[in-house]
Amino acid sequence: MRGRACCVVFFAAVCFCCVCGCSLTHPQAWIQPKDYLYNKELSATYDQTRIKKSLTLDVLPRIGQLKDELLSQSDSVVASLGQGKEGYKTWFTMVAFHEYELSVIRKYFFVVDEKVEKRFTLGRGLRFDCEMLLDKEELEKLGDAKELGEVALLKRIGENLGRDACELGGGTEAPRSAEGRLDVNVLLIKQVLDTIVRGLERSPELAARISDANGIGFDHINFGEGKVRMWAEGNVVAVKIRLGAFLPTFQELAGPAVAEPAQQAAKVE
């Protein structure tokens, strides 16, 4: 009986290893499986677009090329939106162009996933990245603000995000359309930004560290632990936010994708 029991246990172990893709000679293979946080192809257009350098002719052939993505476009803004087959994952890339120069002045990337595969667990994750060129008028308004500079900048980012989304003519009353889905995602991002702003207003010392390479931590009511970093080079401001299961990807971006040092201080007239 003991021999038969041992055979059963051995057979079960072999079946487990076959299913999980591990090896009996390498136990670490199943102890530390690969994480599937998100497909980096989703952010390819955002990553390859350069503030002030990329033009409409550079962006339009690339954006919206992934399978099942929807494209929405106005005279100065273009956005692509995608959704996973089961509806657990949603993402968008949005790019705004200068009215006359046709160069990129703002770009955004967002992805939220309700079932991020990480080790042997599933978790919720959110990622938001943004870079924008602030013109002379915006810089003057921010300089006149009576609040912390970091708070004023975050509010400006939320305002520009909402304005660019509205430029596409969407509405939350039509969530199944490309523009409607975009507006629903924008509302979520603005809610996250509001959470960060309230934290900075309560703790000004955090605002002083928001440009550090490691950013600052904060808690979100739905996604749990998160991190945010906001920094500037010339008049190009960059923000990156990671929440929940996407937190390990916080160090992926090194800095704003500006064109060249000489262009970083250039003002849009």
C-alpha atoms as a PDB file:
ATOM      1  CA  MET A   1       0.000   0.000   0.000  1.00  0.00           C
ATOM      2  CA  ARG A   2       2.817   2.363   0.873  1.00  0.00           C
ATOM      3  CA  GLY A   3       4.417   1.776  -2.547  1.00  0.00           C
ATOM      4  CA  ARG A   4       1.132   2.467  -4.304  1.00  0.00           C
ATOM      5  CA  ALA A   5       0.640   5.662  -2.268  1.00  0.00           C
ATOM      6  CA  CYS A   6       4.133   6.861  -3.173  1.00  0.00           C
ATOM      7  CA  CYS A   7       3.402   6.255  -6.856  1.00  0.00           C
ATOM      8  CA  VAL A   8       0.203   8.311  -6.590  1.00  0.00           C
ATOM      9  CA  VAL A   9       2.030  11.197  -4.897  1.00  0.00           C
ATOM     10  CA  PHE A  10       4.817  11.118  -7.491  1.00  0.00           C
ATOM     11  CA  PHE A  11       2.326  11.047 -10.358  1.00  0.00           C
ATOM     12  CA  ALA A  12       0.449  14.015  -8.850  1.00  0.00           C
ATOM     13  CA  ALA A  13       3.709  15.962  -8.515  1.00  0.00           C
ATOM     14  CA  VAL A  14       4.623  15.301 -12.137  1.00  0.00           C
ATOM     15  CA  CYS A  15       1.170  16.435 -13.299  1.00  0.00           C
ATOM     16  CA  PHE A  16       1.482  19.625 -11.222  1.00  0.00           C
ATOM     17  CA  CYS A  17       4.849  20.431 -12.750  1.00  0.00           C
ATOM     18  CA  CYS A  18       3.562  19.812 -16.262  1.00  0.00           C
ATOM     19  CA  VAL A  19       0.594  22.122 -15.728  1.00  0.00           C
ATOM     20  CA  CYS A  20       2.589  24.885 -14.031  1.00  0.00           C
ATOM     21  CA  GLY A  21       5.550  24.659 -16.383  1.00  0.00           C
ATOM     22  CA  CYS A  22       8.144  23.926 -13.704  1.00  0.00           C
ATOM     23  CA  SER A  23      10.905  21.377 -13.506  1.00  0.00           C
ATOM     24  CA  LEU A  24      11.604  18.822 -10.773  1.00  0.00           C
ATOM     25  CA  THR A  25      15.287  19.676 -11.043  1.00  0.00           C
ATOM     26  CA  HIS A  26      14.682  23.449 -10.744  1.00  0.00           C
ATOM     27  CA  PRO A  27      12.210  24.138  -7.924  1.00  0.00           C
ATOM     28  CA  GLN A  28      12.753  27.902  -8.164  1.00  0.00           C
ATOM     29  CA  ALA A  29      11.035  27.836 -11.558  1.00  0.00           C
ATOM     30  CA  TRP A  30       7.613  27.571  -9.907  1.00  0.00           C
ATOM     31  CA  ILE A  31       8.466  29.451  -6.729  1.00  0.00           C
ATOM     32  CA  GLN A  32       9.216  32.612  -8.743  1.00  0.00           C
ATOM     33  CA  PRO A  33       7.007  32.595 -11.871  1.00  0.00           C
ATOM     34  CA  LYS A  34       6.970  35.388 -14.431  1.00  0.00           C
ATOM     35  CA  ASP A  35       4.771  38.415 -13.758  1.00  0.00           C
ATOM     36  CA  TYR A  36       2.377  39.569 -16.466  1.00  0.00           C
ATOM     37  CA  LEU A  37       1.790  43.177 -15.448  1.00  0.00           C
ATOM     38  CA  TYR A  38       0.830  44.553 -18.865  1.00  0.00           C
ATOM     39  CA  ASN A  39       1.795  44.408 -22.523  1.00  0.00           C
ATOM     40  CA  LYS A  40       4.322  47.182 -23.191  1.00  0.00           C
ATOM     41  CA  GLU A  41       3.038  47.457 -26.758  1.00  0.00           C
ATOM     42  CA  LEU A  42       0.087  49.336 -25.288  1.00  0.00           C
ATOM     43  CA  SER A  43       2.296  52.325 -24.440  1.00  0.00           C
ATOM     44  CA  ALA A  44       4.498  52.155 -27.569  1.00  0.00           C
ATOM     45  CA  THR A  45       2.968  55.229 -29.239  1.00  0.00           C
ATOM     46  CA  TYR A  46       3.280  57.247 -26.037  1.00  0.00           C
ATOM     47  CA  ASP A  47       6.880  56.153 -25.484  1.00  0.00           C
ATOM     48  CA  GLN A  48       7.923  56.966 -29.054  1.00  0.00           C
ATOM     49  CA  THR A  49       6.283  60.394 -29.164  1.00  0.00           C
ATOM     50  CA  ARG A  50       8.497  63.377 -28.316  1.00  0.00           C
ATOM     51  CA  ILE A  51       7.240  66.658 -26.915  1.00  0.00           C
ATOM     52  CA  LYS A  52       7.875  69.590 -29.277  1.00  0.00           C
ATOM     53  CA  LYS A  53       9.712  67.318 -31.726  1.00  0.00           C
ATOM     54  CA  SER A  54       7.135  64.797 -32.979  1.00  0.00           C
ATOM     55  CA  LEU A  55       4.649  66.110 -35.539  1.00  0.00           C
ATOM     56  CA  THR A  56       1.190  64.990 -36.611  1.00  0.00           C
ATOM     57  CA  LEU A  57       2.753  63.030 -39.476  1.00  0.00           C
ATOM     58  CA  ASP A  58       4.840  61.103 -36.933  1.00  0.00           C
ATOM     59  CA  VAL A  59       1.981  60.280 -34.559  1.00  0.00           C
ATOM     60  CA  LEU A  60      -1.040  59.598 -36.785  1.00  0.00           C
ATOM     61  CA  PRO A  61       0.408  56.534 -38.597  1.00  0.00           C
ATOM     62  CA  ARG A  62       1.249  54.889 -35.251  1.00  0.00           C
ATOM     63  CA  ILE A  63      -1.697  55.611 -33.018  1.00  0.00           C
ATOM     64  CA  GLY A  64      -4.658  53.244 -32.983  1.00  0.00           C
ATOM     65  CA  GLN A  65      -2.809  50.437 -34.754  1.00  0.00           C
ATOM     66  CA  LEU A  66      -3.314  47.767 -32.089  1.00  0.00           C
ATOM     67  CA  LYS A  67      -6.069  45.221 -32.642  1.00  0.00           C
ATOM     68  CA  ASP A  68      -9.540  46.294 -31.496  1.00  0.00           C
ATOM     69  CA  GLU A  69      -8.461  49.864 -30.684  1.00  0.00           C
ATOM     70  CA  LEU A  70     -10.901  52.672 -31.440  1.00  0.00           C
ATOM     71  CA  LEU A  71      -9.664  55.963 -32.839  1.00  0.00           C
ATOM     72  CA  SER A  72     -11.068  59.415 -32.095  1.00  0.00           C
ATOM     73  CA  GLN A  73      -9.734  62.621 -33.635  1.00  0.00           C
ATOM     74  CA  SER A  74     -10.378  66.357 -33.730  1.00  0.00           C
ATOM     75  CA  ASP A  75      -8.456  69.217 -35.317  1.00  0.00           C
ATOM     76  CA  SER A  76      -5.827  69.271 -32.552  1.00  0.00           C
ATOM     77  CA  VAL A  77      -6.268  66.070 -30.483  1.00  0.00           C
ATOM     78  CA  VAL A  78      -6.135  62.377 -31.352  1.00  0.00           C
ATOM     79  CA  ALA A  79      -6.782  59.417 -29.059  1.00  0.00           C
ATOM     80  CA  SER A  80      -6.855  55.644 -29.335  1.00  0.00           C
ATOM     81  CA  LEU A  81      -8.797  53.481 -26.875  1.00  0.00           C
ATOM     82  CA  GLY A  82      -8.629  49.763 -26.281  1.00  0.00           C
ATOM     83  CA  GLN A  83     -10.337  47.232 -24.076  1.00  0.00           C
ATOM     84  CA  GLY A  84      -9.506  43.626 -23.236  1.00  0.00           C
ATOM     85  CA  LYS A  85     -11.779  40.885 -24.532  1.00  0.00           C
ATOM     86  CA  GLU A  86     -13.282  40.222 -21.097  1.00  0.00           C
ATOM     87  CA  GLY A  87     -13.514  43.904 -20.200  1.00  0.00           C
ATOM     88  CA  TYR A  88     -11.096  43.783 -17.268  1.00  0.00           C
ATOM     89  CA  LYS A  89      -8.435  45.932 -18.948  1.00  0.00           C
ATOM     90  CA  THR A  90      -8.885  49.371 -20.507  1.00  0.00           C
ATOM     91  CA  TRP A  91      -6.288  51.764 -21.906  1.00  0.00           C
ATOM     92  CA  PHE A  92      -5.911  54.897 -23.970  1.00  0.00           C
ATOM     93  CA  THR A  93      -3.242  57.064 -25.576  1.00  0.00           C
ATOM     94  CA  MET A  94      -4.051  60.715 -26.245  1.00  0.00           C
ATOM     95  CA  VAL A  95      -1.900  63.328 -27.984  1.00  0.00           C
ATOM     96  CA  ALA A  96      -2.529  67.066 -28.392  1.00  0.00           C
ATOM     97  CA  PHE A  97      -0.865  69.204 -31.070  1.00  0.00           C
ATOM     98  CA  HIS A  98       0.030  72.868 -31.324  1.00  0.00           C
ATOM     99  CA  GLU A  99      -2.585  74.705 -33.365  1.00  0.00           C
ATOM    100  CA  TYR A 100      -0.156  76.163 -35.904  1.00  0.00           C
ATOM    101  CA  GLU A 101       3.154  74.311 -35.585  1.00  0.00           C
ATOM    102  CA  LEU A 102       1.469  70.848 -35.548  1.00  0.00           C
ATOM    103  CA  SER A 103       4.051  69.632 -33.041  1.00  0.00           C
ATOM    104  CA  VAL A 104       3.156  67.576 -29.949  1.00  0.00           C
ATOM    105  CA  ILE A 105       2.550  69.713 -26.873  1.00  0.00           C
ATOM    106  CA  ARG A 106       0.800  67.168 -24.613  1.00  0.00           C
ATOM    107  CA  LYS A 107       0.655  63.385 -24.458  1.00  0.00           C
ATOM    108  CA  TYR A 108      -1.039  60.932 -22.105  1.00  0.00           C
ATOM    109  CA  PHE A 109      -1.101  57.195 -21.515  1.00  0.00           C
ATOM    110  CA  PHE A 110      -3.447  55.342 -19.174  1.00  0.00           C
ATOM    111  CA  VAL A 111      -4.151  51.694 -18.430  1.00  0.00           C
ATOM    112  CA  VAL A 112      -6.286  50.114 -15.724  1.00  0.00           C
ATOM    113  CA  ASP A 113      -6.575  46.377 -15.179  1.00  0.00           C
ATOM    114  CA  GLU A 114      -8.902  44.681 -12.719  1.00  0.00           C
ATOM    115  CA  LYS A 115      -7.055  41.352 -12.916  1.00  0.00           C
ATOM    116  CA  VAL A 116      -3.298  41.886 -13.128  1.00  0.00           C
ATOM    117  CA  GLU A 117      -1.423  38.575 -13.048  1.00  0.00           C
ATOM    118  CA  LYS A 118       1.308  38.727 -10.415  1.00  0.00           C
ATOM    119  CA  ARG A 119       2.878  35.620  -8.899  1.00  0.00           C
ATOM    120  CA  PHE A 120      -0.030  33.385  -7.887  1.00  0.00           C
ATOM    121  CA  THR A 121      -2.430  36.273  -7.277  1.00  0.00           C
ATOM    122  CA  LEU A 122      -4.616  38.666  -9.225  1.00  0.00           C
ATOM    123  CA  GLY A 123      -4.710  42.345  -8.335  1.00  0.00           C
ATOM    124  CA  ARG A 124      -5.987  45.709  -9.524  1.00  0.00           C
ATOM    125  CA  GLY A 125      -3.554  48.132 -11.114  1.00  0.00           C
ATOM    126  CA  LEU A 126      -3.559  51.604 -12.636  1.00  0.00           C
ATOM    127  CA  ARG A 127      -0.901  53.460 -14.589  1.00  0.00           C
ATOM    128  CA  PHE A 128      -1.020  57.067 -15.778  1.00  0.00           C
ATOM    129  CA  ASP A 129       1.739  58.979 -17.562  1.00  0.00           C
ATOM    130  CA  CYS A 130       1.646  62.502 -18.907  1.00  0.00           C
ATOM    131  CA  GLU A 131       4.030  65.026 -20.419  1.00  0.00           C
ATOM    132  CA  MET A 132       3.059  68.536 -21.424  1.00  0.00           C
ATOM    133  CA  LEU A 133       4.603  71.731 -22.666  1.00  0.00           C
ATOM    134  CA  LEU A 134       3.478  74.765 -20.667  1.00  0.00           C
ATOM    135  CA  ASP A 135       3.249  77.984 -22.661  1.00  0.00           C
ATOM    136  CA  LYS A 136       3.993  81.480 -21.396  1.00  0.00           C
ATOM    137  CA  GLU A 137       0.389  82.190 -20.386  1.00  0.00           C
ATOM    138  CA  GLU A 138       0.082  78.964 -18.371  1.00  0.00           C
ATOM    139  CA  LEU A 139       3.385  79.602 -16.594  1.00  0.00           C
ATOM    140  CA  GLU A 140       2.265  83.110 -15.632  1.00  0.00           C
ATOM    141  CA  LYS A 141      -1.035  81.812 -14.219  1.00  0.00           C
ATOM    142  CA  LEU A 142       0.776  79.161 -12.196  1.00  0.00           C
ATOM    143  CA  GLY A 143       3.179  81.809 -10.892  1.00  0.00           C
ATOM    144  CA  ASP A 144       0.249  83.913  -9.693  1.00  0.00           C
ATOM    145  CA  ALA A 145      -1.440  80.978  -7.909  1.00  0.00           C
ATOM    146  CA  LYS A 146      -1.880  81.364  -4.145  1.00  0.00           C
ATOM    147  CA  GLU A 147      -1.262  77.671  -3.469  1.00  0.00           C
ATOM    148  CA  LEU A 148       1.736  75.356  -3.551  1.00  0.00           C
ATOM    149  CA  GLY A 149       3.389  75.273  -6.956  1.00  0.00           C
ATOM    150  CA  GLU A 150       3.149  71.479  -7.063  1.00  0.00           C
ATOM    151  CA  VAL A 151      -0.573  71.588  -6.263  1.00  0.00           C
ATOM    152  CA  ALA A 152      -1.183  74.228  -8.924  1.00  0.00           C
ATOM    153  CA  LEU A 153       0.693  72.128 -11.495  1.00  0.00           C
ATOM    154  CA  LEU A 154      -1.286  68.979 -10.721  1.00  0.00           C
ATOM    155  CA  LYS A 155      -4.535  70.922 -11.029  1.00  0.00           C
ATOM    156  CA  ARG A 156      -3.382  72.338 -14.353  1.00  0.00           C
ATOM    157  CA  ILE A 157      -2.610  68.830 -15.598  1.00  0.00           C
ATOM    158  CA  GLY A 158      -6.116  67.717 -14.683  1.00  0.00           C
ATOM    159  CA  GLU A 159      -7.615  70.744 -16.426  1.00  0.00           C
ATOM    160  CA  ASN A 160      -5.621  70.173 -19.615  1.00  0.00           C
ATOM    161  CA  LEU A 161      -6.513  66.484 -19.582  1.00  0.00           C
ATOM    162  CA  GLY A 162     -10.210  67.271 -19.292  1.00  0.00           C
ATOM    163  CA  ARG A 163     -10.040  69.958 -21.970  1.00  0.00           C
ATOM    164  CA  ASP A 164      -8.261  67.660 -24.435  1.00  0.00           C
ATOM    165  CA  ALA A 165     -10.840  64.919 -23.838  1.00  0.00           C
ATOM    166  CA  CYS A 166     -13.692  67.387 -24.370  1.00  0.00           C
ATOM    167  CA  GLU A 167     -12.051  68.474 -27.621  1.00  0.00           C
ATOM    168  CA  LEU A 168     -12.908  65.018 -28.972  1.00  0.00           C
ATOM    169  CA  GLY A 169     -16.601  65.637 -28.299  1.00  0.00           C
ATOM    170  CA  GLY A 170     -17.237  62.776 -25.907  1.00  0.00           C
ATOM    171  CA  GLY A 171     -19.619  62.447 -22.995  1.00  0.00           C
ATOM    172  CA  THR A 172     -20.082  60.126 -20.049  1.00  0.00           C
ATOM    173  CA  GLU A 173     -23.674  59.573 -21.147  1.00  0.00           C
ATOM    174  CA  ALA A 174     -22.363  57.447 -24.039  1.00  0.00           C
ATOM    175  CA  PRO A 175     -19.836  55.126 -22.335  1.00  0.00           C
ATOM    176  CA  ARG A 176     -19.869  52.552 -25.154  1.00  0.00           C
ATOM    177  CA  SER A 177     -18.507  55.000 -27.721  1.00  0.00           C
ATOM    178  CA  ALA A 178     -14.793  55.764 -27.992  1.00  0.00           C
ATOM    179  CA  GLU A 179     -15.265  59.303 -26.662  1.00  0.00           C
ATOM    180  CA  GLY A 180     -17.622  58.192 -23.893  1.00  0.00           C
ATOM    181  CA  ARG A 181     -15.201  55.527 -22.675  1.00  0.00           C
ATOM    182  CA  LEU A 182     -12.406  58.095 -22.763  1.00  0.00           C
ATOM    183  CA  ASP A 183     -14.368  60.479 -20.555  1.00  0.00           C
ATOM    184  CA  VAL A 184     -15.085  57.735 -18.012  1.00  0.00           C
ATOM    185  CA  ASN A 185     -11.346  56.997 -17.786  1.00  0.00           C
ATOM    186  CA  VAL A 186     -10.536  60.697 -17.518  1.00  0.00           C
ATOM    187  CA  LEU A 187     -12.915  61.006 -14.567  1.00  0.00           C
ATOM    188  CA  LEU A 188     -11.019  58.206 -12.815  1.00  0.00           C
ATOM    189  CA  ILE A 189      -7.662  59.896 -13.457  1.00  0.00           C
ATOM    190  CA  LYS A 190      -8.926  63.229 -12.170  1.00  0.00           C
ATOM    191  CA  GLN A 191     -10.217  61.494  -9.032  1.00  0.00           C
ATOM    192  CA  VAL A 192      -6.729  60.061  -8.470  1.00  0.00           C
ATOM    193  CA  LEU A 193      -5.176  63.502  -9.045  1.00  0.00           C
ATOM    194  CA  ASP A 194      -7.603  65.003  -6.519  1.00  0.00           C
ATOM    195  CA  THR A 195      -6.513  62.387  -3.967  1.00  0.00           C
ATOM    196  CA  ILE A 196      -2.866  63.371  -4.487  1.00  0.00           C
ATOM    197  CA  VAL A 197      -3.665  67.088  -4.279  1.00  0.00           C
ATOM    198  CA  ARG A 198      -5.462  66.662  -0.957  1.00  0.00           C
ATOM    199  CA  GLY A 199      -2.466  64.775   0.408  1.00  0.00           C
ATOM    200  CA  LEU A 200      -0.056  67.520  -0.670  1.00  0.00           C
ATOM    201  CA  GLU A 201      -2.261  70.218   0.837  1.00  0.00           C
ATOM    202  CA  ARG A 202      -2.221  68.381   4.165  1.00  0.00           C
ATOM    203  CA  SER A 203       1.542  67.696   4.063  1.00  0.00           C
ATOM    204  CA  PRO A 204       3.578  70.410   2.291  1.00  0.00           C
ATOM    205  CA  GLU A 205       6.758  68.459   3.070  1.00  0.00           C
ATOM    206  CA  LEU A 206       5.565  65.775   0.654  1.00  0.00           C
ATOM    207  CA  ALA A 207       5.252  68.368  -2.092  1.00  0.00           C
ATOM    208  CA  ALA A 208       8.936  69.186  -1.708  1.00  0.00           C
ATOM    209  CA  ARG A 209       9.812  65.528  -2.464  1.00  0.00           C
ATOM    210  CA  ILE A 210       7.447  64.882  -5.359  1.00  0.00           C
ATOM    211  CA  SER A 211      10.221  65.458  -7.919  1.00  0.00           C
ATOM    212  CA  ASP A 212      12.567  62.901  -6.307  1.00  0.00           C
ATOM    213  CA  ALA A 213      13.442  59.855  -8.428  1.00  0.00           C
ATOM    214  CA  ASN A 214      11.500  57.619  -6.032  1.00  0.00           C
ATOM    215  CA  GLY A 215       8.492  59.942  -5.993  1.00  0.00           C
ATOM    216  CA  ILE A 216       6.155  59.992  -2.994  1.00  0.00           C
ATOM    217  CA  GLY A 217       3.680  57.416  -1.754  1.00  0.00           C
ATOM    218  CA  PHE A 218      -0.048  57.799  -1.232  1.00  0.00           C
ATOM    219  CA  ASP A 219      -3.086  55.600  -0.653  1.00  0.00           C
ATOM    220  CA  HIS A 220      -6.109  55.269  -2.905  1.00  0.00           C
ATOM    221  CA  ILE A 221      -9.500  54.091  -1.685  1.00  0.00           C
ATOM    222  CA  ASN A 222      -9.882  51.503  -4.474  1.00  0.00           C
ATOM    223  CA  PHE A 223      -6.366  50.591  -5.603  1.00  0.00           C
ATOM    224  CA  GLY A 224      -4.487  50.768  -2.312  1.00  0.00           C
ATOM    225  CA  GLU A 225      -0.827  51.791  -2.270  1.00  0.00           C
ATOM    226  CA  GLY A 226       0.436  54.107  -4.981  1.00  0.00           C
ATOM    227  CA  LYS A 227       3.299  56.375  -6.014  1.00  0.00           C
ATOM    228  CA  VAL A 228       3.492  59.623  -7.934  1.00  0.00           C
ATOM    229  CA  ARG A 229       6.343  61.660  -9.331  1.00  0.00           C
ATOM    230  CA  MET A 230       6.143  65.069 -11.018  1.00  0.00           C
ATOM    231  CA  TRP A 231       9.162  66.882 -12.369  1.00  0.00           C
ATOM    232  CA  ALA A 232      10.108  69.442 -15.006  1.00  0.00           C
ATOM    233  CA  GLU A 233      12.829  70.144 -17.517  1.00  0.00           C
ATOM    234  CA  GLY A 234      12.557  73.665 -18.831  1.00  0.00           C
ATOM    235  CA  ASN A 235       8.847  74.193 -19.419  1.00  0.00           C
ATOM    236  CA  VAL A 236       8.125  70.501 -20.038  1.00  0.00           C
ATOM    237  CA  VAL A 237       6.345  68.903 -17.070  1.00  0.00           C
ATOM    238  CA  ALA A 238       6.072  65.145 -16.623  1.00  0.00           C
ATOM    239  CA  VAL A 239       3.896  63.098 -14.280  1.00  0.00           C
ATOM    240  CA  LYS A 240       3.794  59.378 -13.673  1.00  0.00           C
ATOM    241  CA  ILE A 241       1.443  57.521 -11.353  1.00  0.00           C
ATOM    242  CA  ARG A 242       1.383  53.840 -10.444  1.00  0.00           C
ATOM    243  CA  LEU A 243      -1.263  52.214  -8.268  1.00  0.00           C
ATOM    244  CA  GLY A 244      -1.818  48.764  -6.852  1.00  0.00           C
ATOM    245  CA  ALA A 245      -0.421  45.870  -8.867  1.00  0.00           C
ATOM    246  CA  PHE A 246       1.367  48.237 -11.292  1.00  0.00           C
ATOM    247  CA  LEU A 247       3.489  49.765  -8.526  1.00  0.00           C
ATOM    248  CA  PRO A 248       6.568  47.619  -9.461  1.00  0.00           C
ATOM    249  CA  THR A 249       6.698  49.435 -12.825  1.00  0.00           C
ATOM    250  CA  PHE A 250       7.248  52.834 -11.199  1.00  0.00           C
ATOM    251  CA  GLN A 251      10.940  53.048 -12.172  1.00  0.00           C
ATOM    252  CA  GLU A 252      10.361  52.343 -15.875  1.00  0.00           C
ATOM    253  CA  LEU A 253      10.483  55.940 -17.122  1.00  0.00           C
ATOM    254  CA  ALA A 254      13.644  57.964 -16.573  1.00  0.00           C
ATOM    255  CA  GLY A 255      12.485  61.433 -17.583  1.00  0.00           C
ATOM    256  CA  PRO A 256      10.462  63.609 -19.970  1.00  0.00           C
ATOM    257  CA  ALA A 257      10.893  62.732 -23.627  1.00  0.00           C
ATOM    258  CA  VAL A 258      11.853  66.261 -24.660  1.00  0.00           C
ATOM    259  CA  ALA A 259      13.445  66.897 -28.004  1.00  0.00           C
ATOM    260  CA  GLU A 260      16.816  68.439 -27.175  1.00  0.00           C
ATOM    261  CA  PRO A 261      18.248  70.527 -24.278  1.00  0.00           C
ATOM    262  CA  ALA A 262      18.061  73.667 -26.395  1.00  0.00           C
ATOM    263  CA  GLN A 263      14.337  73.150 -26.959  1.00  0.00           C
ATOM    264  CA  GLN A 264      13.407  72.459 -23.347  1.00  0.00           C
ATOM    265  CA  ALA A 265      13.187  76.161 -22.508  1.00  0.00           C
ATOM    266  CA  ALA A 266      11.469  77.107 -25.760  1.00  0.00           C
ATOM    267  CA  LYS A 267       8.139  78.863 -25.289  1.00  0.00           C
ATOM    268  CA  VAL A 268       5.181  78.346 -27.563  1.00  0.00           C
ATOM    269  CA  GLU A 269       4.137  81.783 -28.756  1.00  0.00           C
END
